[in-house]
Amino acid sequence: MQQNEPINGIIVINKPSGITSFDVVAKVRKAFGQKKVGHAGTLDPDVSGVLVVALGKATKLIDELQARPKKYEGEITLGFSTETEDASGAIVENKPIIEPFADAEIDQAIRDLNGNIKQVPPMFSAVKVNGKRLYEYARAGETVTRPVRDAIIYNYQRTSDITYSQQRQIFNFEATVSKGTYIRTLAVDTGKKLQIPATMTKLKRIMGSGMTLDKACDFDAIVTGNRDSLLNLVIPIPDILTWPSKELSADEWFAVKNGQKIASFDEESDLIQLTYKGELKAVYAYHAESNDWQSRYVFSNN
């Protein structure tokens, strides 16, 4: 590989708390010496864990990577709420718990939030309303109607005993959720089920884009490593795709490299990886209305 040749693939990083996702991307750009870098799902500065960073042509797949389920572990405290819905914000409501909730009550509240739910994003979030991000309104002291968003909670459960201290209750949880889910809001909504203010007081993402924490490198490796040593951490594009693969004939390759539609592929999947002479060239998607396959992602037409 030539020194200036762009790197295509992903790198899984264990982001520490205290830095932004943009900080991580900036360090990756500098370490690899290329501008085409992006991440597949923001982590708040106070949140640690899996941050998937895409390089080069893998940035085409960011939407696909973001659409995959994410898994978190964290802590919820009942008895107070903050303006940011996590421990970093100023307290806006404090309601001492005189008689602790029974385990069964809390577990029922958690069960009620599994499945398809509606969420109102936090005011301190990057969701745009009328061209401005919600956190911009919040910082200006302005109120605005927030959009209601769909989320899927695949598995949300308590993972520790519930402790009672200083008239608050605290427990750990684990949650596997869809794209667009706000875990902070999930904590707040748990409190609403119990009619008590609640705050997400700790959070770590242990899986993102199908990549688990044990596959992640330390952020320090990005900061201190050189380009050659970091190449060993890059996962190639074919290794992150899960769709069926088909080796193209010469005629099919001619059509694909020219962006043409394909009348039929004998595949049950709606997406298919296309290779030619063993090299991944493109991903095609099936369109039912026209009963053909059309280009979704192109990685090479050479």
C-alpha atoms as a PDB file:
ATOM      1  CA  MET A   1       0.000   0.000   0.000  1.00  0.00           C
ATOM      2  CA  GLN A   2       1.338   3.413  -0.996  1.00  0.00           C
ATOM      3  CA  GLN A   3       1.957   5.924   1.772  1.00  0.00           C
ATOM      4  CA  ASN A   4      -0.684   8.374   0.501  1.00  0.00           C
ATOM      5  CA  GLU A   5      -3.225   5.785  -0.602  1.00  0.00           C
ATOM      6  CA  PRO A   6      -6.561   6.331   1.209  1.00  0.00           C
ATOM      7  CA  ILE A   7      -7.583   3.747   3.805  1.00  0.00           C
ATOM      8  CA  ASN A   8     -11.016   2.162   3.352  1.00  0.00           C
ATOM      9  CA  GLY A   9     -12.607   0.394   6.312  1.00  0.00           C
ATOM     10  CA  ILE A  10     -13.658   0.971   9.881  1.00  0.00           C
ATOM     11  CA  ILE A  11     -11.859   1.260  13.163  1.00  0.00           C
ATOM     12  CA  VAL A  12     -13.613   0.516  16.458  1.00  0.00           C
ATOM     13  CA  ILE A  13     -12.543   2.798  19.289  1.00  0.00           C
ATOM     14  CA  ASN A  14     -13.285   2.693  23.001  1.00  0.00           C
ATOM     15  CA  LYS A  15     -14.043   6.369  23.483  1.00  0.00           C
ATOM     16  CA  PRO A  16     -13.240   7.607  26.980  1.00  0.00           C
ATOM     17  CA  SER A  17     -15.560  10.003  28.759  1.00  0.00           C
ATOM     18  CA  GLY A  18     -14.606  13.670  28.666  1.00  0.00           C
ATOM     19  CA  ILE A  19     -14.106  14.029  24.908  1.00  0.00           C
ATOM     20  CA  THR A  20     -16.527  14.427  22.017  1.00  0.00           C
ATOM     21  CA  SER A  21     -17.053  12.059  19.120  1.00  0.00           C
ATOM     22  CA  PHE A  22     -15.783  14.854  16.855  1.00  0.00           C
ATOM     23  CA  ASP A  23     -12.539  14.919  18.880  1.00  0.00           C
ATOM     24  CA  VAL A  24     -12.052  11.231  18.105  1.00  0.00           C
ATOM     25  CA  VAL A  25     -12.716  11.723  14.388  1.00  0.00           C
ATOM     26  CA  ALA A  26     -10.235  14.617  14.297  1.00  0.00           C
ATOM     27  CA  LYS A  27      -7.540  12.426  15.862  1.00  0.00           C
ATOM     28  CA  VAL A  28      -8.237   9.624  13.369  1.00  0.00           C
ATOM     29  CA  ARG A  29      -7.981  12.084  10.457  1.00  0.00           C
ATOM     30  CA  LYS A  30      -4.619  13.261  11.739  1.00  0.00           C
ATOM     31  CA  ALA A  31      -3.336   9.758  12.486  1.00  0.00           C
ATOM     32  CA  PHE A  32      -4.205   8.393   9.031  1.00  0.00           C
ATOM     33  CA  GLY A  33      -3.534  11.596   7.119  1.00  0.00           C
ATOM     34  CA  GLN A  34      -6.847  11.622   5.276  1.00  0.00           C
ATOM     35  CA  LYS A  35      -9.902  13.847   5.405  1.00  0.00           C
ATOM     36  CA  LYS A  36     -12.635  11.350   4.516  1.00  0.00           C
ATOM     37  CA  VAL A  37     -13.473  10.095   8.011  1.00  0.00           C
ATOM     38  CA  GLY A  38     -16.779   9.971   9.897  1.00  0.00           C
ATOM     39  CA  HIS A  39     -18.399   8.195  12.817  1.00  0.00           C
ATOM     40  CA  ALA A  40     -21.451   5.939  12.949  1.00  0.00           C
ATOM     41  CA  GLY A  41     -23.404   7.339  15.883  1.00  0.00           C
ATOM     42  CA  THR A  42     -22.505  10.141  18.284  1.00  0.00           C
ATOM     43  CA  LEU A  43     -21.600   9.477  21.889  1.00  0.00           C
ATOM     44  CA  ASP A  44     -22.144  12.336  24.343  1.00  0.00           C
ATOM     45  CA  PRO A  45     -18.918  13.633  25.938  1.00  0.00           C
ATOM     46  CA  ASP A  46     -19.743  12.010  29.303  1.00  0.00           C
ATOM     47  CA  VAL A  47     -20.484   8.627  27.695  1.00  0.00           C
ATOM     48  CA  SER A  48     -17.741   6.086  27.058  1.00  0.00           C
ATOM     49  CA  GLY A  49     -17.605   2.981  24.929  1.00  0.00           C
ATOM     50  CA  VAL A  50     -17.873   1.823  21.328  1.00  0.00           C
ATOM     51  CA  LEU A  51     -17.457   4.477  18.655  1.00  0.00           C
ATOM     52  CA  VAL A  52     -17.253   3.106  15.123  1.00  0.00           C
ATOM     53  CA  VAL A  53     -15.218   5.354  12.828  1.00  0.00           C
ATOM     54  CA  ALA A  54     -15.406   4.913   9.045  1.00  0.00           C
ATOM     55  CA  LEU A  55     -12.534   5.767   6.718  1.00  0.00           C
ATOM     56  CA  GLY A  56     -12.538   6.424   2.989  1.00  0.00           C
ATOM     57  CA  LYS A  57     -15.131   4.511   1.000  1.00  0.00           C
ATOM     58  CA  ALA A  58     -16.519   2.988   4.209  1.00  0.00           C
ATOM     59  CA  THR A  59     -18.086   6.395   4.939  1.00  0.00           C
ATOM     60  CA  LYS A  60     -20.678   5.444   2.299  1.00  0.00           C
ATOM     61  CA  LEU A  61     -21.898   2.831   4.800  1.00  0.00           C
ATOM     62  CA  ILE A  62     -22.428   5.150   7.772  1.00  0.00           C
ATOM     63  CA  ASP A  63     -26.227   5.108   7.396  1.00  0.00           C
ATOM     64  CA  GLU A  64     -26.194   1.316   7.288  1.00  0.00           C
ATOM     65  CA  LEU A  65     -23.882   1.081  10.292  1.00  0.00           C
ATOM     66  CA  GLN A  66     -26.013   3.521  12.275  1.00  0.00           C
ATOM     67  CA  ALA A  67     -29.142   1.501  11.518  1.00  0.00           C
ATOM     68  CA  ARG A  68     -27.811  -1.543  13.354  1.00  0.00           C
ATOM     69  CA  PRO A  69     -28.859  -2.038  16.998  1.00  0.00           C
ATOM     70  CA  LYS A  70     -26.813  -0.513  19.796  1.00  0.00           C
ATOM     71  CA  LYS A  71     -26.302  -1.892  23.282  1.00  0.00           C
ATOM     72  CA  TYR A  72     -25.643   0.070  26.454  1.00  0.00           C
ATOM     73  CA  GLU A  73     -25.024  -0.519  30.109  1.00  0.00           C
ATOM     74  CA  GLY A  74     -25.510   2.181  32.683  1.00  0.00           C
ATOM     75  CA  GLU A  75     -27.061   3.434  35.880  1.00  0.00           C
ATOM     76  CA  ILE A  76     -30.373   5.146  36.643  1.00  0.00           C
ATOM     77  CA  THR A  77     -31.068   7.182  39.757  1.00  0.00           C
ATOM     78  CA  LEU A  78     -34.646   7.795  40.871  1.00  0.00           C
ATOM     79  CA  GLY A  79     -35.497  10.890  42.888  1.00  0.00           C
ATOM     80  CA  PHE A  80     -34.164  13.783  40.826  1.00  0.00           C
ATOM     81  CA  SER A  81     -34.007  15.041  37.256  1.00  0.00           C
ATOM     82  CA  THR A  82     -31.688  17.400  35.382  1.00  0.00           C
ATOM     83  CA  GLU A  83     -31.993  19.740  32.420  1.00  0.00           C
ATOM     84  CA  THR A  84     -29.839  17.405  30.288  1.00  0.00           C
ATOM     85  CA  GLU A  85     -31.433  14.157  31.558  1.00  0.00           C
ATOM     86  CA  ASP A  86     -27.991  12.964  32.695  1.00  0.00           C
ATOM     87  CA  ALA A  87     -25.612  13.729  35.544  1.00  0.00           C
ATOM     88  CA  SER A  88     -23.914  16.615  33.709  1.00  0.00           C
ATOM     89  CA  GLY A  89     -26.886  18.968  33.901  1.00  0.00           C
ATOM     90  CA  ALA A  90     -28.304  21.240  36.563  1.00  0.00           C
ATOM     91  CA  ILE A  91     -30.990  19.684  38.768  1.00  0.00           C
ATOM     92  CA  VAL A  92     -34.478  20.849  37.816  1.00  0.00           C
ATOM     93  CA  GLU A  93     -36.533  18.632  40.117  1.00  0.00           C
ATOM     94  CA  ASN A  94     -35.739  16.905  43.381  1.00  0.00           C
ATOM     95  CA  LYS A  95     -38.301  14.573  44.940  1.00  0.00           C
ATOM     96  CA  PRO A  96     -37.098  12.553  47.940  1.00  0.00           C
ATOM     97  CA  ILE A  97     -38.255   8.943  47.987  1.00  0.00           C
ATOM     98  CA  ILE A  98     -39.686   8.378  51.450  1.00  0.00           C
ATOM     99  CA  GLU A  99     -41.016   4.899  50.813  1.00  0.00           C
ATOM    100  CA  PRO A 100     -38.810   3.001  48.361  1.00  0.00           C
ATOM    101  CA  PHE A 101     -40.371   1.427  45.296  1.00  0.00           C
ATOM    102  CA  ALA A 102     -40.513  -2.351  45.358  1.00  0.00           C
ATOM    103  CA  ASP A 103     -38.292  -4.220  42.930  1.00  0.00           C
ATOM    104  CA  ALA A 104     -41.396  -5.494  41.139  1.00  0.00           C
ATOM    105  CA  GLU A 105     -42.676  -1.941  40.551  1.00  0.00           C
ATOM    106  CA  ILE A 106     -39.411  -0.819  38.983  1.00  0.00           C
ATOM    107  CA  ASP A 107     -39.133  -3.978  36.891  1.00  0.00           C
ATOM    108  CA  GLN A 108     -42.674  -3.472  35.599  1.00  0.00           C
ATOM    109  CA  ALA A 109     -41.864   0.100  34.589  1.00  0.00           C
ATOM    110  CA  ILE A 110     -38.852  -1.231  32.683  1.00  0.00           C
ATOM    111  CA  ARG A 111     -40.891  -3.964  30.992  1.00  0.00           C
ATOM    112  CA  ASP A 112     -43.465  -1.395  29.879  1.00  0.00           C
ATOM    113  CA  LEU A 113     -40.771   0.399  27.891  1.00  0.00           C
ATOM    114  CA  ASN A 114     -39.710  -2.636  25.878  1.00  0.00           C
ATOM    115  CA  GLY A 115     -40.892  -2.792  22.278  1.00  0.00           C
ATOM    116  CA  ASN A 116     -41.975   0.044  19.982  1.00  0.00           C
ATOM    117  CA  ILE A 117     -42.155   3.330  21.875  1.00  0.00           C
ATOM    118  CA  LYS A 118     -42.396   7.075  21.267  1.00  0.00           C
ATOM    119  CA  GLN A 119     -39.759   9.448  22.618  1.00  0.00           C
ATOM    120  CA  VAL A 120     -39.436  13.210  22.906  1.00  0.00           C
ATOM    121  CA  PRO A 121     -35.728  14.069  22.417  1.00  0.00           C
ATOM    122  CA  PRO A 122     -33.956  15.955  25.216  1.00  0.00           C
ATOM    123  CA  MET A 123     -33.644  19.726  24.855  1.00  0.00           C
ATOM    124  CA  PHE A 124     -29.895  19.243  25.120  1.00  0.00           C
ATOM    125  CA  SER A 125     -29.588  17.174  21.938  1.00  0.00           C
ATOM    126  CA  ALA A 126     -28.553  17.705  18.330  1.00  0.00           C
ATOM    127  CA  VAL A 127     -32.037  17.217  16.850  1.00  0.00           C
ATOM    128  CA  LYS A 128     -32.891  20.077  14.502  1.00  0.00           C
ATOM    129  CA  VAL A 129     -36.132  22.073  14.721  1.00  0.00           C
ATOM    130  CA  ASN A 130     -36.644  24.900  12.210  1.00  0.00           C
ATOM    131  CA  GLY A 131     -33.001  24.761  11.224  1.00  0.00           C
ATOM    132  CA  LYS A 132     -31.595  25.048  14.749  1.00  0.00           C
ATOM    133  CA  ARG A 133     -30.405  22.291  17.041  1.00  0.00           C
ATOM    134  CA  LEU A 134     -32.331  21.780  20.252  1.00  0.00           C
ATOM    135  CA  TYR A 135     -29.289  22.460  22.405  1.00  0.00           C
ATOM    136  CA  GLU A 136     -29.020  25.908  20.785  1.00  0.00           C
ATOM    137  CA  TYR A 137     -32.554  26.725  21.926  1.00  0.00           C
ATOM    138  CA  ALA A 138     -31.791  25.321  25.377  1.00  0.00           C
ATOM    139  CA  ARG A 139     -28.628  27.372  25.806  1.00  0.00           C
ATOM    140  CA  ALA A 140     -30.521  30.516  24.743  1.00  0.00           C
ATOM    141  CA  GLY A 141     -33.235  29.795  27.303  1.00  0.00           C
ATOM    142  CA  GLU A 142     -35.825  29.369  24.548  1.00  0.00           C
ATOM    143  CA  THR A 143     -38.549  26.732  24.425  1.00  0.00           C
ATOM    144  CA  VAL A 144     -39.664  24.962  21.286  1.00  0.00           C
ATOM    145  CA  THR A 145     -42.016  22.114  20.478  1.00  0.00           C
ATOM    146  CA  ARG A 146     -39.917  18.993  20.171  1.00  0.00           C
ATOM    147  CA  PRO A 147     -40.731  16.288  17.621  1.00  0.00           C
ATOM    148  CA  VAL A 148     -41.997  12.916  18.767  1.00  0.00           C
ATOM    149  CA  ARG A 149     -39.789  10.136  17.441  1.00  0.00           C
ATOM    150  CA  ASP A 150     -40.182   6.387  17.077  1.00  0.00           C
ATOM    151  CA  ALA A 151     -37.744   4.061  18.818  1.00  0.00           C
ATOM    152  CA  ILE A 152     -37.473   0.316  19.278  1.00  0.00           C
ATOM    153  CA  ILE A 153     -36.307  -1.063  22.617  1.00  0.00           C
ATOM    154  CA  TYR A 154     -35.263  -4.630  21.854  1.00  0.00           C
ATOM    155  CA  ASN A 155     -34.219  -5.547  25.369  1.00  0.00           C
ATOM    156  CA  TYR A 156     -34.196  -3.298  28.448  1.00  0.00           C
ATOM    157  CA  GLN A 157     -33.639  -4.876  31.827  1.00  0.00           C
ATOM    158  CA  ARG A 158     -32.305  -4.219  35.315  1.00  0.00           C
ATOM    159  CA  THR A 159     -28.920  -5.845  35.955  1.00  0.00           C
ATOM    160  CA  SER A 160     -28.218  -5.099  39.621  1.00  0.00           C
ATOM    161  CA  ASP A 161     -29.833  -4.904  43.019  1.00  0.00           C
ATOM    162  CA  ILE A 162     -31.643  -1.648  43.763  1.00  0.00           C
ATOM    163  CA  THR A 163     -29.919   0.433  46.415  1.00  0.00           C
ATOM    164  CA  TYR A 164     -31.633   3.044  48.577  1.00  0.00           C
ATOM    165  CA  SER A 165     -29.483   5.921  49.777  1.00  0.00           C
ATOM    166  CA  GLN A 166     -30.164   9.558  50.720  1.00  0.00           C
ATOM    167  CA  GLN A 167     -33.814   9.123  49.753  1.00  0.00           C
ATOM    168  CA  ARG A 168     -32.931   8.037  46.209  1.00  0.00           C
ATOM    169  CA  GLN A 169     -32.941   4.628  44.504  1.00  0.00           C
ATOM    170  CA  ILE A 170     -30.191   3.515  42.168  1.00  0.00           C
ATOM    171  CA  PHE A 171     -29.852   0.502  39.873  1.00  0.00           C
ATOM    172  CA  ASN A 172     -27.851  -0.659  36.863  1.00  0.00           C
ATOM    173  CA  PHE A 173     -29.434  -1.550  33.548  1.00  0.00           C
ATOM    174  CA  GLU A 174     -28.672  -2.949  30.122  1.00  0.00           C
ATOM    175  CA  ALA A 175     -30.502  -1.899  26.954  1.00  0.00           C
ATOM    176  CA  THR A 176     -30.336  -2.948  23.314  1.00  0.00           C
ATOM    177  CA  VAL A 177     -32.040  -0.303  21.187  1.00  0.00           C
ATOM    178  CA  SER A 178     -32.614   0.945  17.668  1.00  0.00           C
ATOM    179  CA  LYS A 179     -31.080   3.901  15.885  1.00  0.00           C
ATOM    180  CA  GLY A 180     -32.363   7.211  17.214  1.00  0.00           C
ATOM    181  CA  THR A 181     -33.078   6.014  20.744  1.00  0.00           C
ATOM    182  CA  TYR A 182     -32.097   8.388  23.541  1.00  0.00           C
ATOM    183  CA  ILE A 183     -30.959   6.381  26.534  1.00  0.00           C
ATOM    184  CA  ARG A 184     -31.156   9.490  28.710  1.00  0.00           C
ATOM    185  CA  THR A 185     -34.819   9.771  27.796  1.00  0.00           C
ATOM    186  CA  LEU A 186     -35.338   6.059  28.452  1.00  0.00           C
ATOM    187  CA  ALA A 187     -34.168   6.695  32.024  1.00  0.00           C
ATOM    188  CA  VAL A 188     -36.505   9.696  32.364  1.00  0.00           C
ATOM    189  CA  ASP A 189     -39.421   7.714  30.947  1.00  0.00           C
ATOM    190  CA  THR A 190     -38.752   4.937  33.447  1.00  0.00           C
ATOM    191  CA  GLY A 191     -39.210   7.516  36.186  1.00  0.00           C
ATOM    192  CA  LYS A 192     -42.404   8.787  34.560  1.00  0.00           C
ATOM    193  CA  LYS A 193     -43.852   5.289  34.725  1.00  0.00           C
ATOM    194  CA  LEU A 194     -43.242   5.451  38.482  1.00  0.00           C
ATOM    195  CA  GLN A 195     -44.286   9.106  38.759  1.00  0.00           C
ATOM    196  CA  ILE A 196     -40.869  10.081  40.077  1.00  0.00           C
ATOM    197  CA  PRO A 197     -38.098  12.182  38.479  1.00  0.00           C
ATOM    198  CA  ALA A 198     -35.201  10.106  37.158  1.00  0.00           C
ATOM    199  CA  THR A 199     -31.756  10.649  35.689  1.00  0.00           C
ATOM    200  CA  MET A 200     -29.287   8.540  33.769  1.00  0.00           C
ATOM    201  CA  THR A 201     -26.228   8.829  36.009  1.00  0.00           C
ATOM    202  CA  LYS A 202     -23.779   6.536  34.153  1.00  0.00           C
ATOM    203  CA  LEU A 203     -23.635   5.178  30.622  1.00  0.00           C
ATOM    204  CA  LYS A 204     -21.347   3.103  28.418  1.00  0.00           C
ATOM    205  CA  ARG A 205     -22.010   1.819  24.901  1.00  0.00           C
ATOM    206  CA  ILE A 206     -20.894  -1.790  24.778  1.00  0.00           C
ATOM    207  CA  MET A 207     -22.017  -2.485  21.195  1.00  0.00           C
ATOM    208  CA  GLY A 208     -22.457  -0.248  18.181  1.00  0.00           C
ATOM    209  CA  SER A 209     -22.947  -1.136  14.507  1.00  0.00           C
ATOM    210  CA  GLY A 210     -22.611  -4.786  15.463  1.00  0.00           C
ATOM    211  CA  MET A 211     -19.161  -4.160  16.944  1.00  0.00           C
ATOM    212  CA  THR A 212     -18.635  -5.040  20.592  1.00  0.00           C
ATOM    213  CA  LEU A 213     -16.389  -3.415  23.145  1.00  0.00           C
ATOM    214  CA  ASP A 214     -13.912  -6.318  23.097  1.00  0.00           C
ATOM    215  CA  LYS A 215     -13.147  -5.443  19.451  1.00  0.00           C
ATOM    216  CA  ALA A 216     -12.383  -1.811  20.287  1.00  0.00           C
ATOM    217  CA  CYS A 217      -8.935  -0.284  20.586  1.00  0.00           C
ATOM    218  CA  ASP A 218      -8.044   2.251  23.237  1.00  0.00           C
ATOM    219  CA  PHE A 219      -8.206   5.884  22.220  1.00  0.00           C
ATOM    220  CA  ASP A 220      -4.588   6.279  23.355  1.00  0.00           C
ATOM    221  CA  ALA A 221      -3.556   3.928  20.554  1.00  0.00           C
ATOM    222  CA  ILE A 222      -4.925   6.445  18.045  1.00  0.00           C
ATOM    223  CA  VAL A 223      -3.209   9.365  19.748  1.00  0.00           C
ATOM    224  CA  THR A 224       0.220   7.753  20.051  1.00  0.00           C
ATOM    225  CA  GLY A 225       0.285   5.306  17.137  1.00  0.00           C
ATOM    226  CA  ASN A 226       1.677   5.927  13.674  1.00  0.00           C
ATOM    227  CA  ARG A 227      -0.149   5.227  10.430  1.00  0.00           C
ATOM    228  CA  ASP A 228       1.547   1.901   9.783  1.00  0.00           C
ATOM    229  CA  SER A 229       0.804   0.493  13.238  1.00  0.00           C
ATOM    230  CA  LEU A 230      -2.813   1.675  13.052  1.00  0.00           C
ATOM    231  CA  LEU A 231      -3.430  -0.147   9.777  1.00  0.00           C
ATOM    232  CA  ASN A 232      -3.637  -3.381  11.759  1.00  0.00           C
ATOM    233  CA  LEU A 233      -6.698  -1.992  13.562  1.00  0.00           C
ATOM    234  CA  VAL A 234      -8.682  -1.305  10.384  1.00  0.00           C
ATOM    235  CA  ILE A 235     -11.492  -3.731   9.557  1.00  0.00           C
ATOM    236  CA  PRO A 236     -11.921  -4.001   5.755  1.00  0.00           C
ATOM    237  CA  ILE A 237     -15.287  -3.183   4.186  1.00  0.00           C
ATOM    238  CA  PRO A 238     -16.117  -6.808   3.163  1.00  0.00           C
ATOM    239  CA  ASP A 239     -15.701  -7.909   6.787  1.00  0.00           C
ATOM    240  CA  ILE A 240     -18.418  -5.553   8.059  1.00  0.00           C
ATOM    241  CA  LEU A 241     -21.101  -6.440   5.523  1.00  0.00           C
ATOM    242  CA  THR A 242     -23.532  -9.254   6.224  1.00  0.00           C
ATOM    243  CA  TRP A 243     -25.475  -9.494   2.958  1.00  0.00           C
ATOM    244  CA  PRO A 244     -25.136 -12.422   0.525  1.00  0.00           C
ATOM    245  CA  SER A 245     -22.303 -12.181  -1.976  1.00  0.00           C
ATOM    246  CA  LYS A 246     -22.265 -12.943  -5.699  1.00  0.00           C
ATOM    247  CA  GLU A 247     -19.325 -13.190  -8.072  1.00  0.00           C
ATOM    248  CA  LEU A 248     -20.145 -11.326 -11.281  1.00  0.00           C
ATOM    249  CA  SER A 249     -19.691 -12.609 -14.794  1.00  0.00           C
ATOM    250  CA  ALA A 250     -17.815 -10.364 -17.241  1.00  0.00           C
ATOM    251  CA  ASP A 251     -21.102  -9.171 -18.777  1.00  0.00           C
ATOM    252  CA  GLU A 252     -22.620  -8.449 -15.366  1.00  0.00           C
ATOM    253  CA  TRP A 253     -19.499  -6.579 -14.301  1.00  0.00           C
ATOM    254  CA  PHE A 254     -19.709  -4.404 -17.422  1.00  0.00           C
ATOM    255  CA  ALA A 255     -23.269  -3.442 -16.445  1.00  0.00           C
ATOM    256  CA  VAL A 256     -22.419  -2.857 -12.782  1.00  0.00           C
ATOM    257  CA  LYS A 257     -19.348  -0.700 -13.397  1.00  0.00           C
ATOM    258  CA  ASN A 258     -21.486   1.487 -15.656  1.00  0.00           C
ATOM    259  CA  GLY A 259     -24.187   1.863 -13.012  1.00  0.00           C
ATOM    260  CA  GLN A 260     -26.785  -0.083 -14.951  1.00  0.00           C
ATOM    261  CA  LYS A 261     -29.765  -1.915 -13.509  1.00  0.00           C
ATOM    262  CA  ILE A 262     -29.716  -5.699 -13.417  1.00  0.00           C
ATOM    263  CA  ALA A 263     -32.861  -7.600 -14.353  1.00  0.00           C
ATOM    264  CA  SER A 264     -32.472 -10.444 -11.883  1.00  0.00           C
ATOM    265  CA  PHE A 265     -30.258 -11.974  -9.239  1.00  0.00           C
ATOM    266  CA  ASP A 266     -31.395 -15.244  -7.725  1.00  0.00           C
ATOM    267  CA  GLU A 267     -31.238 -14.005  -4.116  1.00  0.00           C
ATOM    268  CA  GLU A 268     -33.822 -13.812  -1.324  1.00  0.00           C
ATOM    269  CA  SER A 269     -32.090 -10.847   0.316  1.00  0.00           C
ATOM    270  CA  ASP A 270     -33.006  -7.291  -0.721  1.00  0.00           C
ATOM    271  CA  LEU A 271     -29.314  -6.344  -0.732  1.00  0.00           C
ATOM    272  CA  ILE A 272     -26.428  -8.208  -2.311  1.00  0.00           C
ATOM    273  CA  GLN A 273     -22.654  -7.745  -2.370  1.00  0.00           C
ATOM    274  CA  LEU A 274     -21.180  -7.942  -5.859  1.00  0.00           C
ATOM    275  CA  THR A 275     -17.602  -9.063  -6.435  1.00  0.00           C
ATOM    276  CA  TYR A 276     -15.523  -9.387  -9.581  1.00  0.00           C
ATOM    277  CA  LYS A 277     -12.353 -11.463  -9.620  1.00  0.00           C
ATOM    278  CA  GLY A 278     -12.712 -11.766  -5.857  1.00  0.00           C
ATOM    279  CA  GLU A 279     -12.827  -8.023  -5.158  1.00  0.00           C
ATOM    280  CA  LEU A 280     -15.875  -6.277  -3.677  1.00  0.00           C
ATOM    281  CA  LYS A 281     -17.144  -3.801  -6.240  1.00  0.00           C
ATOM    282  CA  ALA A 282     -20.633  -2.699  -5.206  1.00  0.00           C
ATOM    283  CA  VAL A 283     -23.796  -3.414  -3.281  1.00  0.00           C
ATOM    284  CA  TYR A 284     -27.056  -3.624  -5.217  1.00  0.00           C
ATOM    285  CA  ALA A 285     -30.579  -3.314  -3.820  1.00  0.00           C
ATOM    286  CA  TYR A 286     -33.732  -4.990  -5.081  1.00  0.00           C
ATOM    287  CA  HIS A 287     -36.578  -2.671  -6.121  1.00  0.00           C
ATOM    288  CA  ALA A 288     -39.920  -4.472  -6.053  1.00  0.00           C
ATOM    289  CA  GLU A 289     -41.843  -1.835  -7.997  1.00  0.00           C
ATOM    290  CA  SER A 290     -39.559  -2.178 -11.043  1.00  0.00           C
ATOM    291  CA  ASN A 291     -38.577  -5.794 -10.322  1.00  0.00           C
ATOM    292  CA  ASP A 292     -34.882  -5.160 -10.813  1.00  0.00           C
ATOM    293  CA  TRP A 293     -31.630  -4.568  -8.939  1.00  0.00           C
ATOM    294  CA  GLN A 294     -30.121  -1.108  -8.708  1.00  0.00           C
ATOM    295  CA  SER A 295     -26.893   0.320  -7.372  1.00  0.00           C
ATOM    296  CA  ARG A 296     -26.875   1.198  -3.649  1.00  0.00           C
ATOM    297  CA  TYR A 297     -23.153   1.529  -2.855  1.00  0.00           C
ATOM    298  CA  VAL A 298     -20.248   1.595  -5.302  1.00  0.00           C
ATOM    299  CA  PHE A 299     -16.758   0.896  -4.003  1.00  0.00           C
ATOM    300  CA  SER A 300     -14.857   0.465  -7.259  1.00  0.00           C
ATOM    301  CA  ASN A 301     -15.563   0.568 -10.977  1.00  0.00           C
ATOM    302  CA  ASN A 302     -12.063  -0.314 -12.078  1.00  0.00           C
END
